[in-house]
Protein backbone atom coordinates (compact mmCIF):
# COMPACT_ATOMS: atom_id res chain seq x y z
CA UNK A 1 -26.91 -8.01 18.14
CA UNK A 2 -23.70 -9.22 19.81
CA UNK A 3 -21.28 -6.84 21.52
CA UNK A 4 -18.44 -9.10 20.43
CA UNK A 5 -16.26 -7.67 17.68
CA UNK A 6 -15.69 -9.59 14.50
CA UNK A 7 -12.19 -10.67 13.54
CA UNK A 8 -12.08 -7.97 10.86
CA UNK A 9 -13.18 -5.30 13.31
CA UNK A 10 -10.44 -6.33 15.73
CA UNK A 11 -7.81 -6.26 13.00
CA UNK A 12 -8.99 -2.91 11.64
CA UNK A 13 -8.99 -1.41 15.14
CA UNK A 14 -5.51 -2.71 15.98
CA UNK A 15 -4.15 -1.36 12.71
CA UNK A 16 -5.78 2.05 13.14
CA UNK A 17 -4.74 2.37 16.78
CA UNK A 18 -1.11 1.52 16.05
CA UNK A 19 -1.01 4.15 13.32
CA UNK A 20 -2.72 6.71 15.52
CA UNK A 21 -0.25 6.03 18.35
CA UNK A 22 2.63 6.50 15.86
CA UNK A 23 1.26 9.88 14.79
CA UNK A 24 0.71 10.97 18.39
CA UNK A 25 3.97 9.71 19.88
CA UNK A 26 6.37 9.70 16.95
CA UNK A 27 7.46 6.19 17.91
CA UNK A 28 6.48 3.34 15.60
CA UNK A 29 7.72 0.68 18.03
CA UNK A 30 5.54 2.02 20.83
CA UNK A 31 2.61 2.53 18.46
CA UNK A 32 2.63 -1.07 17.30
CA UNK A 33 3.24 -2.47 20.77
CA UNK A 34 0.61 -0.32 22.50
CA UNK A 35 -2.15 -1.27 20.08
CA UNK A 36 -1.35 -4.95 20.68
CA UNK A 37 -1.08 -4.42 24.44
CA UNK A 38 -4.51 -2.85 24.55
CA UNK A 39 -6.14 -5.44 22.29
CA UNK A 40 -4.72 -8.51 23.99
CA UNK A 41 -4.25 -7.23 27.54
CA UNK A 42 -0.50 -7.91 27.58
CA UNK A 43 2.50 -6.19 29.09
CA UNK A 44 2.43 -3.06 31.20
CA UNK A 45 3.75 0.49 31.27
CA UNK A 46 7.32 -0.77 31.78
CA UNK A 47 7.04 -2.90 28.65
CA UNK A 48 5.73 0.11 26.74
CA UNK A 49 8.59 2.27 28.06
CA UNK A 50 11.10 -0.37 26.94
CA UNK A 51 10.10 0.31 23.32
CA UNK A 52 10.91 4.04 23.54
CA UNK A 53 14.34 3.86 21.90
CA UNK A 54 13.35 1.29 19.31
CA UNK A 55 12.24 3.21 16.19
CA UNK A 56 14.82 2.15 13.63
CA UNK A 57 16.92 1.01 16.61
CA UNK A 58 17.52 4.45 18.13
CA UNK A 59 16.83 6.16 14.76
CA UNK A 60 19.86 4.46 13.19
CA UNK A 61 17.84 3.21 10.20
CA UNK A 62 18.11 -0.36 11.37
CA UNK A 63 15.21 -2.70 12.20
CA UNK A 64 11.86 -0.92 11.79
CA UNK A 65 10.21 -0.05 15.08
CA UNK A 66 6.99 -1.67 13.88
CA UNK A 67 8.90 -4.94 13.63
CA UNK A 68 10.48 -4.45 17.05
CA UNK A 69 7.13 -3.60 18.66
CA UNK A 70 5.55 -6.64 17.02
CA UNK A 71 8.37 -8.89 18.19
CA UNK A 72 8.08 -7.50 21.70
CA UNK A 73 4.37 -8.36 21.73
CA UNK A 74 5.12 -11.86 20.44
CA UNK A 75 7.70 -12.28 23.19
CA UNK A 76 5.25 -11.14 25.86
CA UNK A 77 2.57 -13.54 24.63
CA UNK A 78 4.62 -16.59 23.68
CA UNK A 79 8.06 -16.10 25.18
CA UNK A 80 9.64 -17.64 28.22
CA UNK A 81 10.10 -16.39 31.73
CA UNK A 82 12.37 -19.28 32.71
CA UNK A 83 15.76 -19.38 30.94
CA UNK A 84 15.57 -23.18 30.85
CA UNK A 85 12.22 -23.22 29.01
CA UNK A 86 13.51 -23.98 25.54
CA UNK A 87 10.07 -24.94 24.17
CA UNK A 88 8.74 -21.42 24.78
CA UNK A 89 11.97 -19.95 23.43
CA UNK A 90 11.71 -21.82 20.14
CA UNK A 91 7.96 -21.18 19.88
CA UNK A 92 8.49 -17.41 20.20
CA UNK A 93 11.37 -17.49 17.72
CA UNK A 94 9.28 -19.44 15.22
CA UNK A 95 6.33 -17.05 15.50
CA UNK A 96 8.69 -14.07 15.31
CA UNK A 97 10.32 -15.38 12.14
CA UNK A 98 6.93 -15.89 10.50
CA UNK A 99 5.94 -12.35 11.43
CA UNK A 100 9.20 -10.93 10.03
CA UNK A 101 8.71 -12.88 6.79
CA UNK A 102 5.18 -11.54 6.39
CA UNK A 103 6.32 -7.99 7.14
CA UNK A 104 9.20 -8.26 4.68
CA UNK A 105 6.89 -9.65 2.00
CA UNK A 106 4.69 -6.58 2.40
CA UNK A 107 7.37 -3.89 2.71
CA UNK A 108 10.35 -5.42 0.91
CA UNK A 109 12.56 -5.09 4.00
CA UNK A 110 12.49 -4.99 7.78
CA UNK A 111 14.99 -2.11 7.77
CA UNK A 112 13.74 1.37 8.68
CA UNK A 113 16.04 3.15 6.22
CA UNK A 114 14.76 1.02 3.32
CA UNK A 115 11.12 1.57 4.26
CA UNK A 116 11.62 5.33 4.73
CA UNK A 117 13.35 5.61 1.37
CA UNK A 118 10.53 3.68 -0.32
CA UNK A 119 7.79 5.75 1.35
CA UNK A 120 9.48 9.16 0.92
CA UNK A 121 11.37 8.66 -2.33
CA UNK A 122 14.71 9.57 -0.79
CA UNK A 123 17.13 8.30 1.81
CA UNK A 124 16.75 10.06 5.16
CA UNK A 125 19.05 9.60 8.13
CA UNK A 126 16.65 10.26 10.98
CA UNK A 127 19.52 10.57 13.45
CA UNK A 128 20.71 13.61 11.48
CA UNK A 129 18.94 16.77 12.73
CA UNK A 130 18.52 18.19 9.22
CA UNK A 131 17.01 14.98 7.85
CA UNK A 132 14.84 14.68 10.96
CA UNK A 133 13.49 18.21 10.33
CA UNK A 134 12.83 17.28 6.70
CA UNK A 135 11.00 14.13 7.84
CA UNK A 136 8.77 16.18 10.16
CA UNK A 137 8.18 18.80 7.44
CA UNK A 138 7.13 15.99 5.09
CA UNK A 139 4.51 14.91 7.67
CA UNK A 140 6.66 11.87 8.33
CA UNK A 141 4.89 10.45 11.35
CA UNK A 142 1.55 10.53 9.58
CA UNK A 143 3.00 9.09 6.37
CA UNK A 144 4.78 6.34 8.30
CA UNK A 145 1.75 5.45 10.44
CA UNK A 146 0.75 2.80 7.92
CA UNK A 147 3.85 0.75 8.73
CA UNK A 148 3.35 0.11 12.48
CA UNK A 149 -0.35 -0.24 11.74
CA UNK A 150 0.29 -3.06 9.31
CA UNK A 151 2.86 -4.62 11.64
CA UNK A 152 0.33 -4.67 14.48
CA UNK A 153 -2.29 -6.13 12.15
CA UNK A 154 0.06 -8.92 11.04
CA UNK A 155 0.79 -9.86 14.66
CA UNK A 156 -2.89 -9.66 15.59
CA UNK A 157 -3.78 -11.95 12.66
CA UNK A 158 -1.25 -14.49 13.87
CA UNK A 159 -2.51 -14.28 17.47
CA UNK A 160 -6.14 -14.66 16.41
CA UNK A 161 -5.22 -17.61 14.15
CA UNK A 162 -3.49 -19.33 17.09
CA UNK A 163 -6.44 -18.61 19.39
CA UNK A 164 -8.85 -20.08 16.83
CA UNK A 165 -6.71 -23.22 16.42
CA UNK A 166 -6.47 -23.66 20.20
CA UNK A 167 -10.23 -23.18 20.58
CA UNK A 168 -10.89 -25.77 17.85
CA UNK A 169 -8.60 -28.25 19.61
CA UNK A 170 -10.45 -27.74 22.90
CA UNK A 171 -13.81 -28.38 21.22
CA UNK A 172 -12.69 -31.77 19.85
């Protein structure tokens, strides 16, 4: 039997790990990013640290941290290091837009406040200490773990699809 994981095993593991990291750290952006970092060997501790203030964009209810973590991973894998490299810039933007569209199709929004309201049945301002306490009392990190998990899975699916297409091209 092969030690190589199947596509489904990889996707399941990435999704689970991202959710587990969310529960442990309380940061959906870092949870999503870390699972993708570990799976694809990308980024480093500085990249991971950069995602610290990203859940809901500093808990403002703005872009979901799972989306931000996913976009950070896409940037690391497909982005540019040279400001004049417009091909890499547009490639990363294109992949990022596809990811955001898939995420929005699944969750109805890329906005943290919308997703929290849908998942918890009420609007919560996580920057407000009282709402933050309510979120924690409602087992918020565990209940939200699904979101960065799915975000990481969506990115991993896209990465694996690209890797399979590139491998097929090489074999021709």
